[in-house]
Each structure stands twice: as structure tokens, then as C-alpha cells.
C-alpha atoms as a PDB file:
ATOM      1  CA  UNK A   1      27.152  35.181  -0.429  1.00  0.00           C
ATOM      2  CA  UNK A   2      23.951  33.586   1.408  1.00  0.00           C
ATOM      3  CA  UNK A   3      25.401  30.499   2.800  1.00  0.00           C
ATOM      4  CA  UNK A   4      23.748  27.001   2.158  1.00  0.00           C
ATOM      5  CA  UNK A   5      22.230  24.615   5.010  1.00  0.00           C
ATOM      6  CA  UNK A   6      22.947  27.774   8.038  1.00  0.00           C
ATOM      7  CA  UNK A   7      20.593  28.573   9.532  1.00  0.00           C
ATOM      8  CA  UNK A   8      20.459  32.546   9.909  1.00  0.00           C
ATOM      9  CA  UNK A   9      18.360  35.532  11.910  1.00  0.00           C
ATOM     10  CA  UNK A  10      16.133  37.955   9.869  1.00  0.00           C
ATOM     11  CA  UNK A  11      17.095  41.290  11.457  1.00  0.00           C
ATOM     12  CA  UNK A  12      16.293  43.808   8.676  1.00  0.00           C
ATOM     13  CA  UNK A  13      13.207  43.845   6.194  1.00  0.00           C
ATOM     14  CA  UNK A  14      10.006  42.158   5.222  1.00  0.00           C
ATOM     15  CA  UNK A  15      11.390  38.768   6.494  1.00  0.00           C
ATOM     16  CA  UNK A  16      12.767  40.436  10.041  1.00  0.00           C
ATOM     17  CA  UNK A  17      11.939  38.083  13.362  1.00  0.00           C
ATOM     18  CA  UNK A  18      12.716  35.174  11.462  1.00  0.00           C
ATOM     19  CA  UNK A  19      14.499  32.175  11.050  1.00  0.00           C
ATOM     20  CA  UNK A  20      15.634  31.162   7.520  1.00  0.00           C
ATOM     21  CA  UNK A  21      17.700  28.330   5.942  1.00  0.00           C
ATOM     22  CA  UNK A  22      18.896  27.979   2.380  1.00  0.00           C
ATOM     23  CA  UNK A  23      19.182  24.216   0.826  1.00  0.00           C
ATOM     24  CA  UNK A  24      20.056  23.592  -2.544  1.00  0.00           C
ATOM     25  CA  UNK A  25      17.636  21.177  -4.266  1.00  0.00           C
ATOM     26  CA  UNK A  26      18.095  19.212  -7.504  1.00  0.00           C
ATOM     27  CA  UNK A  27      15.150  18.409  -8.327  1.00  0.00           C
ATOM     28  CA  UNK A  28      13.794  20.495  -8.886  1.00  0.00           C
ATOM     29  CA  UNK A  29      16.540  22.165 -10.191  1.00  0.00           C
ATOM     30  CA  UNK A  30      16.991  25.650  -7.686  1.00  0.00           C
ATOM     31  CA  UNK A  31      17.401  26.988  -4.067  1.00  0.00           C
ATOM     32  CA  UNK A  32      14.721  26.412  -1.385  1.00  0.00           C
ATOM     33  CA  UNK A  33      14.150  29.261   1.265  1.00  0.00           C
ATOM     34  CA  UNK A  34      12.679  27.806   4.637  1.00  0.00           C
ATOM     35  CA  UNK A  35      11.244  30.315   7.346  1.00  0.00           C
ATOM     36  CA  UNK A  36      10.359  29.119  11.157  1.00  0.00           C
ATOM     37  CA  UNK A  37       9.541  31.123  14.460  1.00  0.00           C
ATOM     38  CA  UNK A  38      12.721  29.210  16.075  1.00  0.00           C
ATOM     39  CA  UNK A  39      16.303  28.017  15.559  1.00  0.00           C
ATOM     40  CA  UNK A  40      15.539  24.668  15.656  1.00  0.00           C
ATOM     41  CA  UNK A  41      13.796  25.015  12.570  1.00  0.00           C
ATOM     42  CA  UNK A  42      11.355  22.221  13.843  1.00  0.00           C
ATOM     43  CA  UNK A  43       8.448  24.681  13.084  1.00  0.00           C
ATOM     44  CA  UNK A  44       8.587  25.910   9.095  1.00  0.00           C
ATOM     45  CA  UNK A  45       5.342  27.539   8.408  1.00  0.00           C
ATOM     46  CA  UNK A  46       6.907  29.076   4.983  1.00  0.00           C
ATOM     47  CA  UNK A  47       8.622  27.837   2.414  1.00  0.00           C
ATOM     48  CA  UNK A  48       9.536  30.471  -0.116  1.00  0.00           C
ATOM     49  CA  UNK A  49      11.380  29.525  -3.822  1.00  0.00           C
ATOM     50  CA  UNK A  50      12.551  27.238  -6.121  1.00  0.00           C
ATOM     51  CA  UNK A  51      15.003  30.419  -7.297  1.00  0.00           C
ATOM     52  CA  UNK A  52      16.893  28.821 -10.184  1.00  0.00           C
ATOM     53  CA  UNK A  53      19.778  30.200  -9.739  1.00  0.00           C
ATOM     54  CA  UNK A  54      22.423  32.456  -6.715  1.00  0.00           C
ATOM     55  CA  UNK A  55      21.831  35.491  -8.290  1.00  0.00           C
ATOM     56  CA  UNK A  56      17.768  34.932  -7.999  1.00  0.00           C
ATOM     57  CA  UNK A  57      18.416  33.838  -4.266  1.00  0.00           C
ATOM     58  CA  UNK A  58      20.282  37.294  -4.038  1.00  0.00           C
ATOM     59  CA  UNK A  59      17.960  39.387  -5.416  1.00  0.00           C
ATOM     60  CA  UNK A  60      14.878  37.869  -3.001  1.00  0.00           C
ATOM     61  CA  UNK A  61      17.367  37.998  -0.284  1.00  0.00           C
ATOM     62  CA  UNK A  62      18.552  41.535  -1.114  1.00  0.00           C
ATOM     63  CA  UNK A  63      14.978  42.718  -1.082  1.00  0.00           C
ATOM     64  CA  UNK A  64      13.199  40.755   1.744  1.00  0.00           C
ATOM     65  CA  UNK A  65      16.143  40.263   3.875  1.00  0.00           C
ATOM     66  CA  UNK A  66      19.205  42.314   3.441  1.00  0.00           C
ATOM     67  CA  UNK A  67      20.534  42.304   6.616  1.00  0.00           C
ATOM     68  CA  UNK A  68      20.524  38.428   8.496  1.00  0.00           C
ATOM     69  CA  UNK A  69      22.752  37.616  11.154  1.00  0.00           C
ATOM     70  CA  UNK A  70      23.918  33.971  10.100  1.00  0.00           C
ATOM     71  CA  UNK A  71      24.537  31.216  12.955  1.00  0.00           C
ATOM     72  CA  UNK A  72      27.824  28.700  13.275  1.00  0.00           C
END
């Protein structure tokens, strides 16, 4: 399961080389994926989503970023 509010580095897939972080949103309800070029995520360039539920979020990661190294 993709962790929330944790930065990860995409090792394989279409998003390879990007840092990503998933946030849960109340309005609009769903999950938002932020992409940046650095681990601090202070240079967010692209927002992917809103994914309305976990299943759709997981499909996105399976197809676009199947290998992510999550940081603590």
C-alpha cells in the first residue's frame, strides 16, 4: 500500500527520477500525488490526481511508478 505524507524516489516506470509524495484531501475528496525534482519537495512541479479512492491511487503507482524507494 502506498504510504501517505512520505517522500519516495521513483526507481522504475514512467515517473523514474522523480520524488513523489501522496496527500489525502478532504475537498475535493481523494488522494493527490505531488512530484518534485528534490527530496525536500520544495520545488513541486507537477500534481497528479485527484484519485477518488485508494484502489485508483494504487493502479496509478502500479502503472506509472512500480518501484518507489520510500524514505523515513
